[in-house]
Amino acid sequence: MMPDKKKLSMKLAAGAFCTLAILGPSQADDAEELPPFPQELLGNPEYVAEGKEVFGKICKFCHGKSAYPGKAPKLNPSRYTPEFVFDRVTNGFRGMPAFKEQFTEKERQAVVTFILSKDFSN
């Protein structure tokens, strides 16, 4: 029979291994890169305006009212957290490309702010 400390160490190691196996190192690393989204930022009119401009340049062609039907899902901001939207804009998802290299962090934060604002309509 194993001593209790050794059992606990093995359980912790197994849990860490399972977490890495499920999340993968890149997802775990990406989660640490997410910027904070304080209420002041989310309600900032300057960020909303910049986000609307950036959204109009790229995002609206797949997610906007005039997008080709079936191109991308309709956005449902009431179901999203700022971190979720930022991760998708930054790293992409399925057929959606990553915009980490195309837009600055501030521009990606602005897109998040616009999508989650009362000014956004899909």
PDB file of N, CA and C in Angstrom:
ATOM      1  N   MET A   1       0.833  -1.174   0.000  1.00  0.00           N
ATOM      2  CA  MET A   1       0.000   0.000   0.000  1.00  0.00           C
ATOM      3  C   MET A   1       0.882   1.244   0.000  1.00  0.00           C
ATOM      4  N   MET A   2       0.505   2.269  -0.819  1.00  0.00           N
ATOM      5  CA  MET A   2       1.293   3.491  -0.930  1.00  0.00           C
ATOM      6  C   MET A   2       1.003   4.433   0.232  1.00  0.00           C
ATOM      7  N   PRO A   3       2.015   5.181   0.661  1.00  0.00           N
ATOM      8  CA  PRO A   3       1.764   6.222   1.657  1.00  0.00           C
ATOM      9  C   PRO A   3       0.826   7.277   1.063  1.00  0.00           C
ATOM     10  N   ASP A   4       0.081   7.971   1.900  1.00  0.00           N
ATOM     11  CA  ASP A   4      -0.898   8.952   1.457  1.00  0.00           C
ATOM     12  C   ASP A   4      -0.279  10.074   0.619  1.00  0.00           C
ATOM     13  N   LYS A   5       0.905  10.552   0.971  1.00  0.00           N
ATOM     14  CA  LYS A   5       1.557  11.631   0.225  1.00  0.00           C
ATOM     15  C   LYS A   5       1.883  11.188  -1.189  1.00  0.00           C
ATOM     16  N   LYS A   6       2.329   9.969  -1.337  1.00  0.00           N
ATOM     17  CA  LYS A   6       2.678   9.464  -2.661  1.00  0.00           C
ATOM     18  C   LYS A   6       1.414   9.320  -3.513  1.00  0.00           C
ATOM     19  N   LYS A   7       0.321   8.842  -2.921  1.00  0.00           N
ATOM     20  CA  LYS A   7      -0.947   8.728  -3.645  1.00  0.00           C
ATOM     21  C   LYS A   7      -1.418  10.099  -4.114  1.00  0.00           C
ATOM     22  N   LEU A   8      -1.342  11.074  -3.223  1.00  0.00           N
ATOM     23  CA  LEU A   8      -1.766  12.418  -3.567  1.00  0.00           C
ATOM     24  C   LEU A   8      -0.918  12.983  -4.699  1.00  0.00           C
ATOM     25  N   SER A   9       0.392  12.795  -4.647  1.00  0.00           N
ATOM     26  CA  SER A   9       1.281  13.284  -5.708  1.00  0.00           C
ATOM     27  C   SER A   9       0.935  12.639  -7.041  1.00  0.00           C
ATOM     28  N   MET A  10       0.654  11.366  -7.034  1.00  0.00           N
ATOM     29  CA  MET A  10       0.310  10.665  -8.277  1.00  0.00           C
ATOM     30  C   MET A  10      -1.025  11.168  -8.823  1.00  0.00           C
ATOM     31  N   LYS A  11      -1.993  11.419  -7.946  1.00  0.00           N
ATOM     32  CA  LYS A  11      -3.297  11.943  -8.390  1.00  0.00           C
ATOM     33  C   LYS A  11      -3.134  13.336  -8.997  1.00  0.00           C
ATOM     34  N   LEU A  12      -2.336  14.182  -8.361  1.00  0.00           N
ATOM     35  CA  LEU A  12      -2.107  15.527  -8.883  1.00  0.00           C
ATOM     36  C   LEU A  12      -1.406  15.483 -10.237  1.00  0.00           C
ATOM     37  N   ALA A  13      -0.416  14.635 -10.364  1.00  0.00           N
ATOM     38  CA  ALA A  13       0.301  14.496 -11.631  1.00  0.00           C
ATOM     39  C   ALA A  13      -0.636  13.983 -12.719  1.00  0.00           C
ATOM     40  N   ALA A  14      -1.468  13.025 -12.390  1.00  0.00           N
ATOM     41  CA  ALA A  14      -2.417  12.481 -13.367  1.00  0.00           C
ATOM     42  C   ALA A  14      -3.414  13.556 -13.786  1.00  0.00           C
ATOM     43  N   GLY A  15      -3.878  14.353 -12.839  1.00  0.00           N
ATOM     44  CA  GLY A  15      -4.810  15.437 -13.157  1.00  0.00           C
ATOM     45  C   GLY A  15      -4.182  16.473 -14.069  1.00  0.00           C
ATOM     46  N   ALA A  16      -2.945  16.839 -13.790  1.00  0.00           N
ATOM     47  CA  ALA A  16      -2.239  17.810 -14.634  1.00  0.00           C
ATOM     48  C   ALA A  16      -2.042  17.256 -16.040  1.00  0.00           C
ATOM     49  N   PHE A  17      -1.692  15.996 -16.136  1.00  0.00           N
ATOM     50  CA  PHE A  17      -1.504  15.374 -17.441  1.00  0.00           C
ATOM     51  C   PHE A  17      -2.810  15.379 -18.229  1.00  0.00           C
ATOM     52  N   CYS A  18      -3.908  15.015 -17.568  1.00  0.00           N
ATOM     53  CA  CYS A  18      -5.220  14.994 -18.244  1.00  0.00           C
ATOM     54  C   CYS A  18      -5.615  16.396 -18.713  1.00  0.00           C
ATOM     55  N   THR A  19      -5.368  17.403 -17.890  1.00  0.00           N
ATOM     56  CA  THR A  19      -5.691  18.772 -18.274  1.00  0.00           C
ATOM     57  C   THR A  19      -4.909  19.186 -19.510  1.00  0.00           C
ATOM     58  N   LEU A  20      -3.610  18.894 -19.538  1.00  0.00           N
ATOM     59  CA  LEU A  20      -2.802  19.234 -20.711  1.00  0.00           C
ATOM     60  C   LEU A  20      -3.233  18.441 -21.932  1.00  0.00           C
ATOM     61  N   ALA A  21      -3.603  17.191 -21.723  1.00  0.00           N
ATOM     62  CA  ALA A  21      -4.041  16.361 -22.848  1.00  0.00           C
ATOM     63  C   ALA A  21      -5.327  16.907 -23.450  1.00  0.00           C
ATOM     64  N   ILE A  22      -6.215  17.417 -22.605  1.00  0.00           N
ATOM     65  CA  ILE A  22      -7.491  17.943 -23.091  1.00  0.00           C
ATOM     66  C   ILE A  22      -7.309  19.329 -23.702  1.00  0.00           C
ATOM     67  N   LEU A  23      -6.658  20.234 -22.979  1.00  0.00           N
ATOM     68  CA  LEU A  23      -6.507  21.604 -23.439  1.00  0.00           C
ATOM     69  C   LEU A  23      -5.411  21.771 -24.472  1.00  0.00           C
ATOM     70  N   GLY A  24      -4.348  21.009 -24.314  1.00  0.00           N
ATOM     71  CA  GLY A  24      -3.200  21.183 -25.191  1.00  0.00           C
ATOM     72  C   GLY A  24      -2.414  22.395 -24.739  1.00  0.00           C
ATOM     73  N   PRO A  25      -1.128  22.410 -24.986  1.00  0.00           N
ATOM     74  CA  PRO A  25      -0.308  23.521 -24.513  1.00  0.00           C
ATOM     75  C   PRO A  25      -0.670  24.850 -25.146  1.00  0.00           C
ATOM     76  N   SER A  26      -1.074  24.870 -26.417  1.00  0.00           N
ATOM     77  CA  SER A  26      -1.342  26.154 -27.059  1.00  0.00           C
ATOM     78  C   SER A  26      -2.581  26.817 -26.479  1.00  0.00           C
ATOM     79  N   GLN A  27      -3.631  26.067 -26.192  1.00  0.00           N
ATOM     80  CA  GLN A  27      -4.826  26.666 -25.607  1.00  0.00           C
ATOM     81  C   GLN A  27      -4.541  27.174 -24.210  1.00  0.00           C
ATOM     82  N   ALA A  28      -3.787  26.439 -23.441  1.00  0.00           N
ATOM     83  CA  ALA A  28      -3.451  26.882 -22.097  1.00  0.00           C
ATOM     84  C   ALA A  28      -2.628  28.164 -22.173  1.00  0.00           C
ATOM     85  N   ASP A  29      -1.698  28.261 -23.127  1.00  0.00           N
ATOM     86  CA  ASP A  29      -0.880  29.460 -23.286  1.00  0.00           C
ATOM     87  C   ASP A  29      -1.725  30.639 -23.740  1.00  0.00           C
ATOM     88  N   ASP A  30      -2.666  30.417 -24.686  1.00  0.00           N
ATOM     89  CA  ASP A  30      -3.504  31.487 -25.205  1.00  0.00           C
ATOM     90  C   ASP A  30      -4.351  32.106 -24.106  1.00  0.00           C
ATOM     91  N   ALA A  31      -4.845  31.282 -23.187  1.00  0.00           N
ATOM     92  CA  ALA A  31      -5.697  31.782 -22.125  1.00  0.00           C
ATOM     93  C   ALA A  31      -4.946  32.807 -21.280  1.00  0.00           C
ATOM     94  N   GLU A  32      -3.655  32.645 -21.122  1.00  0.00           N
ATOM     95  CA  GLU A  32      -2.868  33.579 -20.334  1.00  0.00           C
ATOM     96  C   GLU A  32      -2.646  34.893 -21.075  1.00  0.00           C
ATOM     97  N   GLU A  33      -2.790  34.917 -22.385  1.00  0.00           N
ATOM     98  CA  GLU A  33      -2.551  36.114 -23.173  1.00  0.00           C
ATOM     99  C   GLU A  33      -3.760  37.034 -23.244  1.00  0.00           C
ATOM    100  N   LEU A  34      -4.908  36.593 -22.787  1.00  0.00           N
ATOM    101  CA  LEU A  34      -6.110  37.395 -22.909  1.00  0.00           C
ATOM    102  C   LEU A  34      -6.013  38.643 -22.044  1.00  0.00           C
ATOM    103  N   PRO A  35      -6.301  39.800 -22.642  1.00  0.00           N
ATOM    104  CA  PRO A  35      -6.247  41.030 -21.853  1.00  0.00           C
ATOM    105  C   PRO A  35      -7.485  41.141 -20.965  1.00  0.00           C
ATOM    106  N   PRO A  36      -7.393  41.923 -19.917  1.00  0.00           N
ATOM    107  CA  PRO A  36      -8.572  42.131 -19.079  1.00  0.00           C
ATOM    108  C   PRO A  36      -9.577  43.035 -19.794  1.00  0.00           C
ATOM    109  N   PHE A  37     -10.830  42.868 -19.468  1.00  0.00           N
ATOM    110  CA  PHE A  37     -11.887  43.687 -20.052  1.00  0.00           C
ATOM    111  C   PHE A  37     -12.699  44.344 -18.940  1.00  0.00           C
ATOM    112  N   PRO A  38     -12.133  45.405 -18.330  1.00  0.00           N
ATOM    113  CA  PRO A  38     -12.887  46.090 -17.276  1.00  0.00           C
ATOM    114  C   PRO A  38     -14.116  46.796 -17.855  1.00  0.00           C
ATOM    115  N   GLN A  39     -15.098  47.048 -17.022  1.00  0.00           N
ATOM    116  CA  GLN A  39     -16.343  47.686 -17.456  1.00  0.00           C
ATOM    117  C   GLN A  39     -16.070  49.014 -18.154  1.00  0.00           C
ATOM    118  N   GLU A  40     -15.052  49.759 -17.690  1.00  0.00           N
ATOM    119  CA  GLU A  40     -14.731  51.055 -18.306  1.00  0.00           C
ATOM    120  C   GLU A  40     -14.332  50.876 -19.775  1.00  0.00           C
ATOM    121  N   LEU A  41     -13.646  49.800 -20.074  1.00  0.00           N
ATOM    122  CA  LEU A  41     -13.233  49.532 -21.455  1.00  0.00           C
ATOM    123  C   LEU A  41     -14.439  49.126 -22.294  1.00  0.00           C
ATOM    124  N   LEU A  42     -15.271  48.254 -21.748  1.00  0.00           N
ATOM    125  CA  LEU A  42     -16.425  47.766 -22.502  1.00  0.00           C
ATOM    126  C   LEU A  42     -17.425  48.875 -22.810  1.00  0.00           C
ATOM    127  N   GLY A  43     -17.492  49.891 -21.977  1.00  0.00           N
ATOM    128  CA  GLY A  43     -18.419  50.983 -22.225  1.00  0.00           C
ATOM    129  C   GLY A  43     -17.773  52.191 -22.871  1.00  0.00           C
ATOM    130  N   ASN A  44     -16.513  52.081 -23.281  1.00  0.00           N
ATOM    131  CA  ASN A  44     -15.766  53.210 -23.816  1.00  0.00           C
ATOM    132  C   ASN A  44     -16.204  53.515 -25.258  1.00  0.00           C
ATOM    133  N   PRO A  45     -16.803  54.704 -25.497  1.00  0.00           N
ATOM    134  CA  PRO A  45     -17.283  55.046 -26.841  1.00  0.00           C
ATOM    135  C   PRO A  45     -16.184  55.054 -27.901  1.00  0.00           C
ATOM    136  N   GLU A  46     -14.953  55.408 -27.500  1.00  0.00           N
ATOM    137  CA  GLU A  46     -13.833  55.416 -28.448  1.00  0.00           C
ATOM    138  C   GLU A  46     -13.550  53.992 -28.948  1.00  0.00           C
ATOM    139  N   TYR A  47     -13.562  53.028 -28.038  1.00  0.00           N
ATOM    140  CA  TYR A  47     -13.331  51.634 -28.418  1.00  0.00           C
ATOM    141  C   TYR A  47     -14.488  51.106 -29.263  1.00  0.00           C
ATOM    142  N   VAL A  48     -15.715  51.472 -28.904  1.00  0.00           N
ATOM    143  CA  VAL A  48     -16.876  51.031 -29.685  1.00  0.00           C
ATOM    144  C   VAL A  48     -16.765  51.550 -31.117  1.00  0.00           C
ATOM    145  N   ALA A  49     -16.419  52.819 -31.276  1.00  0.00           N
ATOM    146  CA  ALA A  49     -16.292  53.414 -32.618  1.00  0.00           C
ATOM    147  C   ALA A  49     -15.169  52.752 -33.411  1.00  0.00           C
ATOM    148  N   GLU A  50     -14.027  52.538 -32.768  1.00  0.00           N
ATOM    149  CA  GLU A  50     -12.918  51.882 -33.465  1.00  0.00           C
ATOM    150  C   GLU A  50     -13.287  50.445 -33.829  1.00  0.00           C
ATOM    151  N   GLY A  51     -13.967  49.759 -32.924  1.00  0.00           N
ATOM    152  CA  GLY A  51     -14.391  48.389 -33.193  1.00  0.00           C
ATOM    153  C   GLY A  51     -15.368  48.307 -34.352  1.00  0.00           C
ATOM    154  N   LYS A  52     -16.256  49.283 -34.434  1.00  0.00           N
ATOM    155  CA  LYS A  52     -17.218  49.323 -35.549  1.00  0.00           C
ATOM    156  C   LYS A  52     -16.482  49.490 -36.872  1.00  0.00           C
ATOM    157  N   GLU A  53     -15.457  50.337 -36.866  1.00  0.00           N
ATOM    158  CA  GLU A  53     -14.658  50.561 -38.078  1.00  0.00           C
ATOM    159  C   GLU A  53     -13.927  49.278 -38.496  1.00  0.00           C
ATOM    160  N   VAL A  54     -13.283  48.622 -37.544  1.00  0.00           N
ATOM    161  CA  VAL A  54     -12.551  47.386 -37.839  1.00  0.00           C
ATOM    162  C   VAL A  54     -13.526  46.295 -38.291  1.00  0.00           C
ATOM    163  N   PHE A  55     -14.645  46.163 -37.602  1.00  0.00           N
ATOM    164  CA  PHE A  55     -15.662  45.169 -37.970  1.00  0.00           C
ATOM    165  C   PHE A  55     -16.122  45.409 -39.413  1.00  0.00           C
ATOM    166  N   GLY A  56     -16.305  46.679 -39.768  1.00  0.00           N
ATOM    167  CA  GLY A  56     -16.753  47.028 -41.117  1.00  0.00           C
ATOM    168  C   GLY A  56     -15.741  46.701 -42.208  1.00  0.00           C
ATOM    169  N   LYS A  57     -14.465  46.667 -41.855  1.00  0.00           N
ATOM    170  CA  LYS A  57     -13.415  46.360 -42.834  1.00  0.00           C
ATOM    171  C   LYS A  57     -13.350  44.871 -43.170  1.00  0.00           C
ATOM    172  N   ILE A  58     -13.564  44.021 -42.201  1.00  0.00           N
ATOM    173  CA  ILE A  58     -13.327  42.588 -42.386  1.00  0.00           C
ATOM    174  C   ILE A  58     -14.517  41.724 -41.958  1.00  0.00           C
ATOM    175  N   CYS A  59     -14.927  41.889 -40.734  1.00  0.00           N
ATOM    176  CA  CYS A  59     -15.859  40.946 -40.096  1.00  0.00           C
ATOM    177  C   CYS A  59     -17.240  40.914 -40.745  1.00  0.00           C
ATOM    178  N   LYS A  60     -17.725  42.072 -41.188  1.00  0.00           N
ATOM    179  CA  LYS A  60     -19.096  42.150 -41.690  1.00  0.00           C
ATOM    180  C   LYS A  60     -19.327  41.299 -42.936  1.00  0.00           C
ATOM    181  N   PHE A  61     -18.276  40.976 -43.650  1.00  0.00           N
ATOM    182  CA  PHE A  61     -18.451  40.203 -44.879  1.00  0.00           C
ATOM    183  C   PHE A  61     -18.856  38.759 -44.592  1.00  0.00           C
ATOM    184  N   CYS A  62     -18.546  38.292 -43.411  1.00  0.00           N
ATOM    185  CA  CYS A  62     -18.953  36.938 -43.019  1.00  0.00           C
ATOM    186  C   CYS A  62     -20.039  36.954 -41.944  1.00  0.00           C
ATOM    187  N   HIS A  63     -20.046  37.976 -41.094  1.00  0.00           N
ATOM    188  CA  HIS A  63     -20.966  38.002 -39.964  1.00  0.00           C
ATOM    189  C   HIS A  63     -22.022  39.096 -40.047  1.00  0.00           C
ATOM    190  N   GLY A  64     -22.005  39.927 -41.046  1.00  0.00           N
ATOM    191  CA  GLY A  64     -22.941  41.048 -41.114  1.00  0.00           C
ATOM    192  C   GLY A  64     -24.245  40.702 -41.795  1.00  0.00           C
ATOM    193  N   LYS A  65     -25.140  41.687 -41.807  1.00  0.00           N
ATOM    194  CA  LYS A  65     -26.464  41.513 -42.415  1.00  0.00           C
ATOM    195  C   LYS A  65     -26.366  41.183 -43.906  1.00  0.00           C
ATOM    196  N   SER A  66     -25.357  41.733 -44.565  1.00  0.00           N
ATOM    197  CA  SER A  66     -25.231  41.510 -46.008  1.00  0.00           C
ATOM    198  C   SER A  66     -24.282  40.361 -46.345  1.00  0.00           C
ATOM    199  N   ALA A  67     -23.885  39.597 -45.344  1.00  0.00           N
ATOM    200  CA  ALA A  67     -22.970  38.471 -45.578  1.00  0.00           C
ATOM    201  C   ALA A  67     -23.663  37.394 -46.388  1.00  0.00           C
ATOM    202  N   TYR A  68     -22.863  36.657 -47.125  1.00  0.00           N
ATOM    203  CA  TYR A  68     -23.378  35.536 -47.897  1.00  0.00           C
ATOM    204  C   TYR A  68     -24.016  34.531 -46.940  1.00  0.00           C
ATOM    205  N   PRO A  69     -25.272  34.131 -47.178  1.00  0.00           N
ATOM    206  CA  PRO A  69     -25.943  33.190 -46.265  1.00  0.00           C
ATOM    207  C   PRO A  69     -25.134  31.904 -46.068  1.00  0.00           C
ATOM    208  N   GLY A  70     -24.994  31.510 -44.844  1.00  0.00           N
ATOM    209  CA  GLY A  70     -24.276  30.283 -44.530  1.00  0.00           C
ATOM    210  C   GLY A  70     -22.770  30.447 -44.446  1.00  0.00           C
ATOM    211  N   LYS A  71     -22.264  31.628 -44.724  1.00  0.00           N
ATOM    212  CA  LYS A  71     -20.812  31.868 -44.702  1.00  0.00           C
ATOM    213  C   LYS A  71     -20.257  31.695 -43.293  1.00  0.00           C
ATOM    214  N   ALA A  72     -20.929  32.290 -42.307  1.00  0.00           N
ATOM    215  CA  ALA A  72     -20.497  32.210 -40.909  1.00  0.00           C
ATOM    216  C   ALA A  72     -21.737  32.322 -40.030  1.00  0.00           C
ATOM    217  N   PRO A  73     -21.634  31.861 -38.818  1.00  0.00           N
ATOM    218  CA  PRO A  73     -22.815  31.936 -37.956  1.00  0.00           C
ATOM    219  C   PRO A  73     -23.165  33.382 -37.603  1.00  0.00           C
ATOM    220  N   LYS A  74     -24.443  33.587 -37.371  1.00  0.00           N
ATOM    221  CA  LYS A  74     -24.901  34.885 -36.887  1.00  0.00           C
ATOM    222  C   LYS A  74     -24.378  35.042 -35.463  1.00  0.00           C
ATOM    223  N   LEU A  75     -23.859  36.210 -35.163  1.00  0.00           N
ATOM    224  CA  LEU A  75     -23.302  36.439 -33.839  1.00  0.00           C
ATOM    225  C   LEU A  75     -24.425  36.664 -32.829  1.00  0.00           C
ATOM    226  N   ASN A  76     -24.229  36.138 -31.638  1.00  0.00           N
ATOM    227  CA  ASN A  76     -25.204  36.262 -30.565  1.00  0.00           C
ATOM    228  C   ASN A  76     -24.494  36.819 -29.325  1.00  0.00           C
ATOM    229  N   PRO A  77     -24.244  38.124 -29.292  1.00  0.00           N
ATOM    230  CA  PRO A  77     -23.438  38.722 -28.226  1.00  0.00           C
ATOM    231  C   PRO A  77     -23.947  38.450 -26.815  1.00  0.00           C
ATOM    232  N   SER A  78     -25.232  38.256 -26.638  1.00  0.00           N
ATOM    233  CA  SER A  78     -25.756  38.034 -25.289  1.00  0.00           C
ATOM    234  C   SER A  78     -25.242  36.726 -24.687  1.00  0.00           C
ATOM    235  N   ARG A  79     -24.718  35.853 -25.513  1.00  0.00           N
ATOM    236  CA  ARG A  79     -24.197  34.566 -25.032  1.00  0.00           C
ATOM    237  C   ARG A  79     -22.684  34.573 -24.842  1.00  0.00           C
ATOM    238  N   TYR A  80     -22.017  35.687 -25.166  1.00  0.00           N
ATOM    239  CA  TYR A  80     -20.559  35.716 -25.177  1.00  0.00           C
ATOM    240  C   TYR A  80     -19.974  36.490 -24.002  1.00  0.00           C
ATOM    241  N   THR A  81     -18.777  36.067 -23.605  1.00  0.00           N
ATOM    242  CA  THR A  81     -17.969  36.861 -22.682  1.00  0.00           C
ATOM    243  C   THR A  81     -16.939  37.607 -23.525  1.00  0.00           C
ATOM    244  N   PRO A  82     -16.406  38.692 -23.020  1.00  0.00           N
ATOM    245  CA  PRO A  82     -15.374  39.417 -23.777  1.00  0.00           C
ATOM    246  C   PRO A  82     -14.175  38.531 -24.107  1.00  0.00           C
ATOM    247  N   GLU A  83     -13.781  37.697 -23.157  1.00  0.00           N
ATOM    248  CA  GLU A  83     -12.621  36.828 -23.364  1.00  0.00           C
ATOM    249  C   GLU A  83     -12.879  35.819 -24.488  1.00  0.00           C
ATOM    250  N   PHE A  84     -14.091  35.302 -24.563  1.00  0.00           N
ATOM    251  CA  PHE A  84     -14.459  34.347 -25.616  1.00  0.00           C
ATOM    252  C   PHE A  84     -14.329  35.008 -26.997  1.00  0.00           C
ATOM    253  N   VAL A  85     -14.909  36.194 -27.140  1.00  0.00           N
ATOM    254  CA  VAL A  85     -14.864  36.892 -28.435  1.00  0.00           C
ATOM    255  C   VAL A  85     -13.424  37.238 -28.791  1.00  0.00           C
ATOM    256  N   PHE A  86     -12.666  37.751 -27.809  1.00  0.00           N
ATOM    257  CA  PHE A  86     -11.273  38.113 -28.071  1.00  0.00           C
ATOM    258  C   PHE A  86     -10.471  36.899 -28.528  1.00  0.00           C
ATOM    259  N   ASP A  87     -10.682  35.767 -27.888  1.00  0.00           N
ATOM    260  CA  ASP A  87      -9.966  34.546 -28.277  1.00  0.00           C
ATOM    261  C   ASP A  87     -10.305  34.150 -29.713  1.00  0.00           C
ATOM    262  N   ARG A  88     -11.567  34.209 -30.088  1.00  0.00           N
ATOM    263  CA  ARG A  88     -11.966  33.839 -31.450  1.00  0.00           C
ATOM    264  C   ARG A  88     -11.392  34.803 -32.480  1.00  0.00           C
ATOM    265  N   VAL A  89     -11.430  36.092 -32.180  1.00  0.00           N
ATOM    266  CA  VAL A  89     -10.878  37.095 -33.105  1.00  0.00           C
ATOM    267  C   VAL A  89      -9.364  36.919 -33.212  1.00  0.00           C
ATOM    268  N   THR A  90      -8.724  36.653 -32.104  1.00  0.00           N
ATOM    269  CA  THR A  90      -7.266  36.541 -32.071  1.00  0.00           C
ATOM    270  C   THR A  90      -6.770  35.258 -32.711  1.00  0.00           C
ATOM    271  N   ASN A  91      -7.367  34.132 -32.328  1.00  0.00           N
ATOM    272  CA  ASN A  91      -6.850  32.815 -32.731  1.00  0.00           C
ATOM    273  C   ASN A  91      -7.669  32.113 -33.801  1.00  0.00           C
ATOM    274  N   GLY A  92      -8.821  32.669 -34.164  1.00  0.00           N
ATOM    275  CA  GLY A  92      -9.681  32.024 -35.143  1.00  0.00           C
ATOM    276  C   GLY A  92     -10.372  30.809 -34.556  1.00  0.00           C
ATOM    277  N   PHE A  93     -11.207  30.175 -35.380  1.00  0.00           N
ATOM    278  CA  PHE A  93     -11.926  28.980 -34.938  1.00  0.00           C
ATOM    279  C   PHE A  93     -12.517  28.322 -36.169  1.00  0.00           C
ATOM    280  N   ARG A  94     -12.267  27.042 -36.304  1.00  0.00           N
ATOM    281  CA  ARG A  94     -12.725  26.273 -37.476  1.00  0.00           C
ATOM    282  C   ARG A  94     -12.373  27.023 -38.753  1.00  0.00           C
ATOM    283  N   GLY A  95     -13.366  27.480 -39.525  1.00  0.00           N
ATOM    284  CA  GLY A  95     -13.090  28.154 -40.796  1.00  0.00           C
ATOM    285  C   GLY A  95     -12.740  29.626 -40.657  1.00  0.00           C
ATOM    286  N   MET A  96     -12.883  30.168 -39.454  1.00  0.00           N
ATOM    287  CA  MET A  96     -12.573  31.589 -39.251  1.00  0.00           C
ATOM    288  C   MET A  96     -11.069  31.764 -39.054  1.00  0.00           C
ATOM    289  N   PRO A  97     -10.459  32.661 -39.831  1.00  0.00           N
ATOM    290  CA  PRO A  97      -9.016  32.872 -39.672  1.00  0.00           C
ATOM    291  C   PRO A  97      -8.687  33.631 -38.398  1.00  0.00           C
ATOM    292  N   ALA A  98      -7.454  33.518 -37.966  1.00  0.00           N
ATOM    293  CA  ALA A  98      -6.944  34.284 -36.829  1.00  0.00           C
ATOM    294  C   ALA A  98      -6.579  35.681 -37.313  1.00  0.00           C
ATOM    295  N   PHE A  99      -6.838  36.678 -36.487  1.00  0.00           N
ATOM    296  CA  PHE A  99      -6.520  38.052 -36.850  1.00  0.00           C
ATOM    297  C   PHE A  99      -5.441  38.648 -35.955  1.00  0.00           C
ATOM    298  N   LYS A 100      -4.699  37.783 -35.281  1.00  0.00           N
ATOM    299  CA  LYS A 100      -3.647  38.237 -34.367  1.00  0.00           C
ATOM    300  C   LYS A 100      -2.578  39.046 -35.097  1.00  0.00           C
ATOM    301  N   GLU A 101      -2.240  38.637 -36.298  1.00  0.00           N
ATOM    302  CA  GLU A 101      -1.200  39.331 -37.060  1.00  0.00           C
ATOM    303  C   GLU A 101      -1.739  40.527 -37.840  1.00  0.00           C
ATOM    304  N   GLN A 102      -3.027  40.525 -38.123  1.00  0.00           N
ATOM    305  CA  GLN A 102      -3.615  41.566 -38.950  1.00  0.00           C
ATOM    306  C   GLN A 102      -4.026  42.800 -38.144  1.00  0.00           C
ATOM    307  N   PHE A 103      -4.491  42.593 -36.917  1.00  0.00           N
ATOM    308  CA  PHE A 103      -4.947  43.696 -36.085  1.00  0.00           C
ATOM    309  C   PHE A 103      -4.141  43.764 -34.795  1.00  0.00           C
ATOM    310  N   THR A 104      -3.954  44.967 -34.288  1.00  0.00           N
ATOM    311  CA  THR A 104      -3.263  45.142 -33.014  1.00  0.00           C
ATOM    312  C   THR A 104      -4.159  44.629 -31.888  1.00  0.00           C
ATOM    313  N   GLU A 105      -3.578  44.471 -30.718  1.00  0.00           N
ATOM    314  CA  GLU A 105      -4.370  44.038 -29.572  1.00  0.00           C
ATOM    315  C   GLU A 105      -5.488  45.039 -29.295  1.00  0.00           C
ATOM    316  N   LYS A 106      -5.177  46.328 -29.402  1.00  0.00           N
ATOM    317  CA  LYS A 106      -6.198  47.359 -29.158  1.00  0.00           C
ATOM    318  C   LYS A 106      -7.335  47.249 -30.172  1.00  0.00           C
ATOM    319  N   GLU A 107      -7.015  47.006 -31.434  1.00  0.00           N
ATOM    320  CA  GLU A 107      -8.063  46.864 -32.453  1.00  0.00           C
ATOM    321  C   GLU A 107      -8.932  45.640 -32.168  1.00  0.00           C
ATOM    322  N   ARG A 108      -8.298  44.551 -31.728  1.00  0.00           N
ATOM    323  CA  ARG A 108      -9.078  43.342 -31.395  1.00  0.00           C
ATOM    324  C   ARG A 108      -9.936  43.573 -30.164  1.00  0.00           C
ATOM    325  N   GLN A 109      -9.408  44.316 -29.180  1.00  0.00           N
ATOM    326  CA  GLN A 109     -10.217  44.680 -28.019  1.00  0.00           C
ATOM    327  C   GLN A 109     -11.391  45.566 -28.447  1.00  0.00           C
ATOM    328  N   ALA A 110     -11.152  46.463 -29.378  1.00  0.00           N
ATOM    329  CA  ALA A 110     -12.206  47.350 -29.869  1.00  0.00           C
ATOM    330  C   ALA A 110     -13.304  46.564 -30.574  1.00  0.00           C
ATOM    331  N   VAL A 111     -12.933  45.565 -31.361  1.00  0.00           N
ATOM    332  CA  VAL A 111     -13.939  44.720 -32.012  1.00  0.00           C
ATOM    333  C   VAL A 111     -14.814  44.038 -30.958  1.00  0.00           C
ATOM    334  N   VAL A 112     -14.173  43.529 -29.915  1.00  0.00           N
ATOM    335  CA  VAL A 112     -14.911  42.892 -28.820  1.00  0.00           C
ATOM    336  C   VAL A 112     -15.875  43.895 -28.205  1.00  0.00           C
ATOM    337  N   THR A 113     -15.376  45.086 -27.927  1.00  0.00           N
ATOM    338  CA  THR A 113     -16.192  46.128 -27.310  1.00  0.00           C
ATOM    339  C   THR A 113     -17.387  46.474 -28.187  1.00  0.00           C
ATOM    340  N   PHE A 114     -17.161  46.573 -29.502  1.00  0.00           N
ATOM    341  CA  PHE A 114     -18.262  46.875 -30.421  1.00  0.00           C
ATOM    342  C   PHE A 114     -19.281  45.734 -30.454  1.00  0.00           C
ATOM    343  N   ILE A 115     -18.826  44.506 -30.607  1.00  0.00           N
ATOM    344  CA  ILE A 115     -19.747  43.372 -30.694  1.00  0.00           C
ATOM    345  C   ILE A 115     -20.607  43.258 -29.437  1.00  0.00           C
ATOM    346  N   LEU A 116     -20.031  43.552 -28.291  1.00  0.00           N
ATOM    347  CA  LEU A 116     -20.772  43.435 -27.032  1.00  0.00           C
ATOM    348  C   LEU A 116     -21.512  44.719 -26.653  1.00  0.00           C
ATOM    349  N   SER A 117     -21.457  45.730 -27.508  1.00  0.00           N
ATOM    350  CA  SER A 117     -22.110  47.008 -27.209  1.00  0.00           C
ATOM    351  C   SER A 117     -23.567  47.008 -27.690  1.00  0.00           C
ATOM    352  N   LYS A 118     -24.295  48.010 -27.211  1.00  0.00           N
ATOM    353  CA  LYS A 118     -25.693  48.190 -27.642  1.00  0.00           C
ATOM    354  C   LYS A 118     -25.758  48.670 -29.094  1.00  0.00           C
ATOM    355  N   ASP A 119     -24.638  49.159 -29.634  1.00  0.00           N
ATOM    356  CA  ASP A 119     -24.592  49.644 -31.020  1.00  0.00           C
ATOM    357  C   ASP A 119     -24.517  48.528 -32.044  1.00  0.00           C
ATOM    358  N   PHE A 120     -24.184  47.323 -31.596  1.00  0.00           N
ATOM    359  CA  PHE A 120     -24.011  46.205 -32.529  1.00  0.00           C
ATOM    360  C   PHE A 120     -25.362  45.604 -32.882  1.00  0.00           C
ATOM    361  N   SER A 121     -25.548  45.362 -34.159  1.00  0.00           N
ATOM    362  CA  SER A 121     -26.721  44.599 -34.605  1.00  0.00           C
ATOM    363  C   SER A 121     -26.239  43.669 -35.706  1.00  0.00           C
ATOM    364  N   ASN A 122     -26.832  42.528 -35.736  1.00  0.00           N
ATOM    365  CA  ASN A 122     -26.380  41.488 -36.651  1.00  0.00           C
ATOM    366  C   ASN A 122     -27.370  41.285 -37.759  1.00  0.00           C
TER     367      ASN A 122
END
